[in-house]
N, C-alpha and C. Protein backbone atom coordinates (compact mmCIF):
# COMPACT_ATOMS: atom_id res chain seq x y z
N MET A 1 0.77 -1.32 0.03
CA MET A 1 0.01 0.15 -0.16
C MET A 1 1.21 1.30 -0.17
N ALA A 2 0.26 2.06 -1.07
CA ALA A 2 1.47 3.24 -0.51
C ALA A 2 -0.01 4.50 -0.43
N GLU A 3 0.64 4.93 0.88
CA GLU A 3 0.40 5.12 2.30
C GLU A 3 -0.07 6.89 1.62
N LEU A 4 -1.00 7.90 1.62
CA LEU A 4 -0.97 9.24 0.83
C LEU A 4 -1.60 9.94 2.10
N LEU A 5 -1.34 11.07 2.08
CA LEU A 5 -2.30 11.81 3.04
C LEU A 5 -3.10 13.32 2.63
N HIS A 6 -4.17 13.51 3.38
CA HIS A 6 -4.47 14.44 3.44
C HIS A 6 -5.62 15.06 4.48
N ILE A 7 -4.87 16.17 4.50
CA ILE A 7 -5.44 17.01 5.61
C ILE A 7 -6.60 18.08 5.23
N THR A 8 -7.74 17.70 6.29
CA THR A 8 -9.21 18.56 5.99
C THR A 8 -9.63 18.47 7.29
N GLU A 9 -11.02 19.47 6.86
CA GLU A 9 -11.57 20.23 8.37
C GLU A 9 -12.35 18.56 8.56
N ARG A 10 -12.61 18.44 9.64
CA ARG A 10 -13.62 17.16 10.17
C ARG A 10 -14.87 17.72 9.65
N SER A 11 -15.49 18.41 9.60
CA SER A 11 -17.20 18.45 9.51
C SER A 11 -17.09 18.21 7.17
N ILE A 12 -16.29 18.50 6.90
CA ILE A 12 -16.06 18.71 5.32
C ILE A 12 -15.88 16.76 5.50
N TRP A 13 -15.12 16.42 5.97
CA TRP A 13 -14.90 14.86 5.54
C TRP A 13 -15.91 14.20 6.38
N GLU A 14 -16.32 14.20 7.20
CA GLU A 14 -17.82 13.92 7.87
C GLU A 14 -19.01 13.90 6.79
N ALA A 15 -19.07 14.57 6.57
CA ALA A 15 -20.27 15.26 5.07
C ALA A 15 -19.53 14.24 4.26
N ALA A 16 -18.31 13.83 4.06
CA ALA A 16 -18.05 12.97 2.32
C ALA A 16 -18.57 11.96 3.18
N ARG A 17 -18.41 11.16 4.49
CA ARG A 17 -18.73 10.02 4.80
C ARG A 17 -20.12 9.75 4.71
N GLU A 18 -20.68 11.35 4.40
CA GLU A 18 -22.18 10.26 4.46
C GLU A 18 -22.67 9.68 3.01
N SER A 19 -21.94 10.72 2.06
CA SER A 19 -22.05 11.19 0.68
C SER A 19 -21.26 9.65 0.18
N GLY A 20 -20.19 9.14 0.94
CA GLY A 20 -19.47 8.13 0.05
C GLY A 20 -18.64 8.62 -0.88
N THR A 21 -18.33 9.98 -1.04
CA THR A 21 -16.82 10.32 -1.44
C THR A 21 -16.68 11.78 -0.92
N TYR A 22 -15.58 11.73 -1.35
CA TYR A 22 -14.81 13.35 -0.52
C TYR A 22 -14.00 13.66 -1.93
N GLU A 23 -14.53 15.11 -2.35
CA GLU A 23 -14.08 15.91 -3.51
C GLU A 23 -14.02 17.56 -3.43
N MET A 24 -13.32 17.39 -2.09
CA MET A 24 -12.68 19.35 -1.92
C MET A 24 -11.14 18.25 -2.12
N SER A 25 -9.96 19.49 -3.33
CA SER A 25 -8.77 19.35 -3.13
C SER A 25 -7.96 19.90 -2.66
N THR A 26 -8.06 21.03 -1.90
CA THR A 26 -7.31 21.27 -0.34
C THR A 26 -8.32 22.26 -0.27
N ARG A 27 -8.09 23.02 0.95
CA ARG A 27 -9.06 24.25 2.04
C ARG A 27 -9.23 24.82 0.86
N GLY A 28 -10.56 25.21 0.93
CA GLY A 28 -11.46 26.16 0.02
C GLY A 28 -11.85 25.96 -1.75
N LEU A 29 -11.34 24.74 -1.86
CA LEU A 29 -11.15 24.59 -3.52
C LEU A 29 -11.50 22.62 -3.89
N THR A 30 -12.75 22.79 -4.46
CA THR A 30 -13.39 21.97 -4.68
C THR A 30 -12.04 20.91 -5.87
N LEU A 31 -12.51 19.30 -5.68
CA LEU A 31 -11.67 18.78 -7.06
C LEU A 31 -12.56 19.25 -8.11
N ARG A 32 -13.59 19.80 -8.51
CA ARG A 32 -13.84 20.23 -10.13
C ARG A 32 -12.78 21.72 -10.10
N GLU A 33 -12.85 23.02 -9.05
CA GLU A 33 -12.10 23.77 -9.58
C GLU A 33 -10.73 23.53 -9.75
N VAL A 34 -9.88 22.54 -9.35
CA VAL A 34 -8.31 22.36 -9.49
C VAL A 34 -8.33 21.44 -10.11
N GLY A 35 -8.95 20.15 -10.36
CA GLY A 35 -8.72 18.80 -11.10
C GLY A 35 -8.28 17.76 -10.68
N PHE A 36 -7.76 17.96 -9.08
CA PHE A 36 -7.46 16.25 -8.63
C PHE A 36 -7.25 16.88 -7.48
N ILE A 37 -6.83 15.79 -5.94
CA ILE A 37 -6.82 16.40 -4.93
C ILE A 37 -5.46 16.48 -4.59
N HIS A 38 -5.36 17.35 -3.87
CA HIS A 38 -3.90 17.38 -3.12
C HIS A 38 -3.93 16.75 -2.16
N CYS A 39 -2.39 15.82 -2.23
CA CYS A 39 -2.36 15.03 -0.76
C CYS A 39 -1.05 15.14 -0.69
N SER A 40 0.03 14.62 0.43
CA SER A 40 0.72 14.04 0.70
C SER A 40 1.56 13.10 1.45
N LEU A 41 3.09 12.98 1.32
CA LEU A 41 3.79 11.74 2.01
C LEU A 41 3.58 12.06 3.43
N ARG A 42 4.13 11.26 4.47
CA ARG A 42 4.04 11.57 5.64
C ARG A 42 4.94 13.13 6.23
N ARG A 43 6.33 12.52 5.84
CA ARG A 43 7.05 13.61 5.92
C ARG A 43 6.23 15.17 5.60
N GLN A 44 6.02 15.65 4.82
CA GLN A 44 5.99 16.37 3.78
C GLN A 44 4.56 17.01 4.61
N LEU A 45 3.16 16.75 5.48
CA LEU A 45 2.43 16.33 6.12
C LEU A 45 2.66 18.04 7.03
N PRO A 46 3.48 18.00 8.23
CA PRO A 46 3.69 18.99 9.05
C PRO A 46 3.83 20.35 8.08
N ALA A 47 4.51 20.91 6.75
CA ALA A 47 4.51 21.96 6.44
C ALA A 47 3.36 22.27 5.71
N VAL A 48 2.52 21.13 5.00
CA VAL A 48 1.32 21.47 4.18
C VAL A 48 0.24 21.83 5.41
N ALA A 49 0.13 21.27 6.24
CA ALA A 49 -0.69 21.39 7.60
C ALA A 49 -0.82 22.77 8.17
N HIS A 50 0.71 23.14 8.28
CA HIS A 50 1.41 24.61 8.52
C HIS A 50 0.79 25.84 7.50
N MET A 51 0.67 25.72 6.66
CA MET A 51 0.57 26.29 5.31
C MET A 51 -0.74 26.37 4.99
N LEU A 52 -1.37 25.54 5.21
CA LEU A 52 -3.22 25.76 4.80
C LEU A 52 -3.76 26.06 6.07
N TYR A 53 -3.11 25.44 7.99
CA TYR A 53 -4.19 25.39 8.20
C TYR A 53 -3.97 26.15 9.49
N ASP A 54 -2.68 26.72 10.00
CA ASP A 54 -2.08 27.51 10.97
C ASP A 54 -2.71 28.46 12.01
N GLY A 55 -2.95 27.75 12.89
CA GLY A 55 -3.60 28.93 14.27
C GLY A 55 -4.94 28.10 14.02
N TRP A 56 -5.49 27.33 12.99
CA TRP A 56 -6.74 26.66 13.43
C TRP A 56 -6.78 25.38 14.89
N ASP A 57 -8.05 25.06 15.53
CA ASP A 57 -7.84 24.47 16.09
C ASP A 57 -7.94 23.05 15.58
N PRO A 58 -6.56 22.28 16.46
CA PRO A 58 -6.26 20.79 15.42
C PRO A 58 -7.37 20.03 15.65
N ALA A 59 -8.73 20.00 16.60
CA ALA A 59 -9.90 19.49 16.88
C ALA A 59 -10.43 19.52 15.98
N LYS A 60 -10.31 20.41 15.21
CA LYS A 60 -11.39 21.09 13.48
C LYS A 60 -10.78 20.00 12.72
N LEU A 61 -9.82 20.00 12.89
CA LEU A 61 -9.12 19.15 11.94
C LEU A 61 -9.01 17.65 11.85
N VAL A 62 -8.61 16.96 10.45
CA VAL A 62 -8.95 14.66 10.70
C VAL A 62 -7.53 15.08 9.13
N VAL A 63 -6.63 13.89 9.68
CA VAL A 63 -5.64 13.54 8.34
C VAL A 63 -6.08 12.30 8.07
N LEU A 64 -6.86 12.02 6.67
CA LEU A 64 -7.35 11.05 6.01
C LEU A 64 -6.33 9.74 5.73
N VAL A 65 -6.34 8.82 6.23
CA VAL A 65 -4.74 8.33 5.70
C VAL A 65 -5.68 7.65 4.17
N ILE A 66 -4.62 7.43 2.88
CA ILE A 66 -5.43 7.24 1.77
C ILE A 66 -4.88 6.01 1.37
N ASP A 67 -5.31 4.54 1.66
CA ASP A 67 -4.52 3.51 0.56
C ASP A 67 -4.82 3.78 -0.74
N SER A 68 -3.72 4.27 -1.91
CA SER A 68 -3.63 3.83 -2.84
C SER A 68 -4.37 3.32 -3.88
N GLU A 69 -3.85 1.71 -3.16
CA GLU A 69 -4.31 0.84 -4.22
C GLU A 69 -6.03 0.60 -4.01
N ARG A 70 -6.22 1.08 -3.44
CA ARG A 70 -7.92 1.43 -3.27
C ARG A 70 -8.71 2.30 -4.44
N LEU A 71 -8.12 2.92 -4.72
CA LEU A 71 -8.48 3.95 -6.16
C LEU A 71 -8.57 3.28 -7.27
N SER A 72 -9.16 4.09 -7.83
CA SER A 72 -9.55 3.65 -9.03
C SER A 72 -9.38 4.64 -10.77
N VAL A 73 -8.80 5.58 -10.07
CA VAL A 73 -8.17 7.42 -10.33
C VAL A 73 -6.95 7.07 -10.78
N PRO A 74 -5.52 7.84 -11.29
CA PRO A 74 -5.35 8.12 -11.61
C PRO A 74 -4.03 8.52 -10.43
N VAL A 75 -2.59 8.27 -9.47
CA VAL A 75 -2.25 9.33 -8.69
C VAL A 75 -1.48 9.25 -9.29
N ARG A 76 -0.45 10.86 -9.54
CA ARG A 76 0.07 11.68 -9.78
C ARG A 76 1.18 12.22 -9.17
N TYR A 77 2.77 12.02 -8.78
CA TYR A 77 3.52 12.75 -8.44
C TYR A 77 4.04 13.78 -8.77
N GLU A 78 3.56 15.16 -8.85
CA GLU A 78 4.07 16.56 -8.50
C GLU A 78 4.42 17.41 -7.88
N PRO A 79 5.46 18.63 -8.79
CA PRO A 79 5.23 19.63 -8.00
C PRO A 79 4.10 19.81 -7.29
N PRO A 80 3.93 21.16 -6.71
CA PRO A 80 2.96 22.10 -5.88
C PRO A 80 2.37 22.55 -7.25
N GLU A 81 3.25 22.72 -8.65
CA GLU A 81 2.05 23.25 -9.76
C GLU A 81 2.32 22.43 -10.81
N PRO A 82 1.53 21.73 -11.02
CA PRO A 82 1.57 19.90 -11.95
C PRO A 82 1.44 20.81 -13.25
N ALA A 83 0.91 21.73 -13.35
CA ALA A 83 1.50 22.09 -14.88
C ALA A 83 3.38 22.23 -15.29
N ALA A 84 3.65 22.61 -14.13
CA ALA A 84 5.31 22.55 -14.45
C ALA A 84 5.47 20.72 -14.77
N VAL A 85 5.21 20.07 -14.77
CA VAL A 85 5.61 18.76 -15.07
C VAL A 85 5.19 18.66 -16.08
N ARG A 86 3.56 19.06 -16.31
CA ARG A 86 3.09 18.66 -17.67
C ARG A 86 3.73 19.55 -18.99
N ASP A 87 3.93 20.30 -18.66
CA ASP A 87 4.82 21.25 -19.47
C ASP A 87 5.97 20.29 -20.11
N GLY A 88 6.66 20.54 -19.11
CA GLY A 88 8.06 20.06 -19.18
C GLY A 88 8.69 18.23 -19.13
N GLY A 89 6.85 17.21 -18.88
CA GLY A 89 6.92 16.34 -19.77
C GLY A 89 7.55 15.07 -18.44
N GLY A 90 7.43 15.78 -16.55
CA GLY A 90 8.31 14.62 -15.80
C GLY A 90 7.02 13.68 -15.18
N SER A 91 5.54 13.60 -15.83
CA SER A 91 4.71 12.98 -14.32
C SER A 91 4.71 12.12 -14.29
N ASP A 92 4.23 11.34 -13.67
CA ASP A 92 4.69 9.71 -13.28
C ASP A 92 3.38 9.54 -12.65
N ASP A 93 2.30 8.94 -13.16
CA ASP A 93 1.00 8.17 -12.91
C ASP A 93 1.16 6.76 -12.67
N SER A 94 2.15 6.43 -12.29
CA SER A 94 2.09 4.82 -12.21
C SER A 94 1.80 4.50 -10.96
N GLY A 95 1.25 5.63 -9.89
CA GLY A 95 0.98 5.71 -8.79
C GLY A 95 2.10 4.24 -7.64
N ASP A 96 3.35 4.39 -8.37
CA ASP A 96 4.27 3.80 -7.27
C ASP A 96 5.59 4.53 -6.87
N GLY A 97 5.22 5.56 -7.13
CA GLY A 97 6.15 6.73 -6.04
C GLY A 97 6.37 7.63 -7.31
N PRO A 98 7.05 9.07 -6.45
CA PRO A 98 7.77 10.24 -6.81
C PRO A 98 8.21 10.03 -8.34
N GLY A 99 7.74 10.83 -9.47
CA GLY A 99 8.31 10.93 -10.75
C GLY A 99 10.09 11.21 -10.44
N ASP A 100 10.65 12.02 -11.62
CA ASP A 100 11.77 12.79 -11.31
C ASP A 100 11.79 14.17 -10.96
N GLY A 101 10.95 14.62 -11.08
CA GLY A 101 11.00 15.96 -10.13
C GLY A 101 11.89 17.04 -10.87
N ASP A 102 12.08 16.84 -12.51
CA ASP A 102 12.97 17.92 -13.10
C ASP A 102 12.01 19.35 -13.61
N GLY A 103 10.51 18.99 -14.09
CA GLY A 103 9.82 19.53 -14.21
C GLY A 103 10.53 21.14 -14.43
N GLU A 104 9.95 22.20 -15.27
CA GLU A 104 10.60 23.95 -15.03
C GLU A 104 11.01 24.66 -14.65
N HIS A 105 11.10 23.50 -12.86
CA HIS A 105 11.53 24.36 -12.39
C HIS A 105 13.41 24.28 -11.85
N GLY A 106 13.94 23.26 -13.39
CA GLY A 106 15.15 22.64 -13.03
C GLY A 106 15.62 22.93 -11.59
N GLY A 107 16.19 21.21 -11.74
CA GLY A 107 17.09 20.58 -10.49
C GLY A 107 15.63 19.84 -9.66
N ALA A 108 15.78 18.84 -8.67
CA ALA A 108 14.42 18.30 -8.20
C ALA A 108 13.57 19.39 -7.39
N VAL A 109 12.72 19.10 -8.07
CA VAL A 109 11.39 19.59 -6.72
C VAL A 109 10.85 18.39 -6.68
N GLU A 110 10.40 19.29 -4.81
CA GLU A 110 9.53 17.91 -4.30
C GLU A 110 8.40 17.68 -4.41
N GLU A 111 8.31 16.28 -4.74
CA GLU A 111 6.81 16.09 -5.67
C GLU A 111 5.78 15.74 -4.39
N PHE A 112 5.16 15.93 -4.96
CA PHE A 112 3.58 15.86 -3.95
C PHE A 112 2.55 14.70 -4.06
N PRO A 113 1.53 13.76 -3.48
CA PRO A 113 0.73 12.71 -4.87
C PRO A 113 -0.34 13.68 -4.82
N HIS A 114 -0.96 13.53 -5.85
CA HIS A 114 -2.51 14.36 -6.49
C HIS A 114 -3.04 13.04 -7.04
N ILE A 115 -4.69 12.50 -6.46
CA ILE A 115 -5.34 11.95 -6.97
C ILE A 115 -6.30 12.51 -7.99
N TYR A 116 -6.11 12.13 -9.20
CA TYR A 116 -7.00 12.86 -10.30
C TYR A 116 -8.66 12.39 -10.22
N GLY A 117 -9.26 12.26 -9.63
CA GLY A 117 -10.65 12.50 -9.32
C GLY A 117 -11.15 12.04 -7.93
N PRO A 118 -12.67 11.52 -7.82
CA PRO A 118 -13.19 11.96 -6.88
C PRO A 118 -12.22 10.60 -5.25
N LEU A 119 -12.24 10.71 -4.15
CA LEU A 119 -11.54 9.51 -2.88
C LEU A 119 -12.93 8.85 -2.25
N PRO A 120 -12.73 7.97 -3.21
CA PRO A 120 -14.17 7.21 -2.54
C PRO A 120 -13.48 6.73 -1.19
N VAL A 121 -14.43 7.17 0.00
CA VAL A 121 -14.52 6.39 1.38
C VAL A 121 -14.03 5.86 1.18
N THR A 122 -14.04 4.30 0.85
CA THR A 122 -13.74 3.57 1.58
C THR A 122 -11.99 3.14 1.21
N ALA A 123 -11.51 3.85 0.22
CA ALA A 123 -9.69 3.85 0.11
C ALA A 123 -9.43 4.74 1.52
N VAL A 124 -9.91 5.87 2.03
CA VAL A 124 -9.70 5.99 3.43
C VAL A 124 -9.52 5.23 4.94
N VAL A 125 -8.50 4.13 5.01
CA VAL A 125 -8.43 3.17 6.00
C VAL A 125 -8.15 3.77 7.14
N ASP A 126 -7.58 4.62 7.58
CA ASP A 126 -7.72 5.55 8.76
C ASP A 126 -8.02 6.84 8.74
N GLU A 127 -7.99 7.92 10.29
CA GLU A 127 -8.57 8.84 10.08
C GLU A 127 -7.50 9.49 11.62
N GLU A 128 -6.52 10.20 11.43
CA GLU A 128 -5.96 10.41 12.49
C GLU A 128 -6.00 12.32 12.92
N PRO A 129 -5.85 12.56 14.43
CA PRO A 129 -5.87 13.64 14.24
C PRO A 129 -4.98 14.29 14.29
N TRP A 130 -5.04 15.52 14.42
CA TRP A 130 -3.58 16.46 13.59
C TRP A 130 -3.31 16.97 15.69
N SER A 131 -2.00 17.17 15.15
CA SER A 131 -1.48 18.22 16.36
C SER A 131 -0.38 19.08 15.43
N TRP A 132 -0.42 19.88 16.37
CA TRP A 132 0.72 21.38 15.95
C TRP A 132 1.86 20.44 16.52
N ASP A 133 1.71 19.87 17.01
CA ASP A 133 3.43 19.53 18.25
C ASP A 133 4.47 18.89 16.65
N ALA A 134 3.79 18.40 15.93
CA ALA A 134 4.48 18.20 14.34
C ALA A 134 5.27 19.40 13.89
N PRO A 135 6.56 19.07 13.31
CA PRO A 135 7.35 20.22 12.67
C PRO A 135 6.97 20.96 11.86
N ALA A 136 7.44 21.57 11.05
CA ALA A 136 7.07 22.81 10.31
C ALA A 136 7.60 21.90 8.53
N THR A 137 8.92 21.68 9.43
CA THR A 137 9.34 21.80 7.85
C THR A 137 9.20 20.16 7.07
N ALA A 138 9.90 20.09 5.74
CA ALA A 138 9.50 19.52 4.92
C ALA A 138 10.80 19.01 3.70
N PRO A 139 10.43 18.16 3.42
CA PRO A 139 11.72 17.80 2.29
C PRO A 139 11.49 19.00 1.12
N LYS A 140 12.80 19.01 0.53
CA LYS A 140 13.07 20.10 -0.73
C LYS A 140 13.16 19.42 -1.89
N SER A 141 13.85 17.96 -1.60
CA SER A 141 14.18 17.03 -2.72
C SER A 141 13.68 15.58 -2.59
N ARG A 142 13.68 15.18 -3.96
CA ARG A 142 13.30 13.94 -3.78
C ARG A 142 14.45 13.08 -3.31
N ASP A 143 15.71 13.21 -3.12
CA ASP A 143 16.27 12.35 -2.79
C ASP A 143 16.11 12.64 -1.10
N GLN A 144 15.56 13.92 -0.75
CA GLN A 144 15.16 13.53 1.05
C GLN A 144 13.57 12.61 1.09
N LEU A 145 13.02 12.69 0.34
CA LEU A 145 11.80 12.00 0.51
C LEU A 145 12.64 10.08 0.12
N ARG A 146 13.83 10.22 0.18
CA ARG A 146 14.34 8.84 -0.28
C ARG A 146 14.61 7.88 1.18
N ASP A 147 15.11 8.79 2.27
CA ASP A 147 15.91 8.94 3.59
C ASP A 147 14.81 8.23 4.54
């Protein structure tokens, strides 16, 4: 199982559990608006959480643990701006892990998993509480992702 993480507002996740699918891309933007759901690897999550939800009550947040093998839609590892990879030819939709990360940024660019379609609630294998005790730093290169 490739473990993907997504931090979201607890109330939005609870509504998705009732409907059967989760369709938010990131805070305040839907899958329809963005085209994919932003996810993180475990070591990327603290920086993402601080960027999106800094100052939020952690009780209002939940971390979704997603089993990529339970998805029927593509997962691509891309820089935060996936157009840079598509334009530069570095995307990897195998779902097996980070791609080459060369994109238009020149050199190693940190890549994040993106889910290109709705997230079925059955693909979420765990829900974890969020804690601000996690450090706010994240790896900057693909080599650091392998450590």
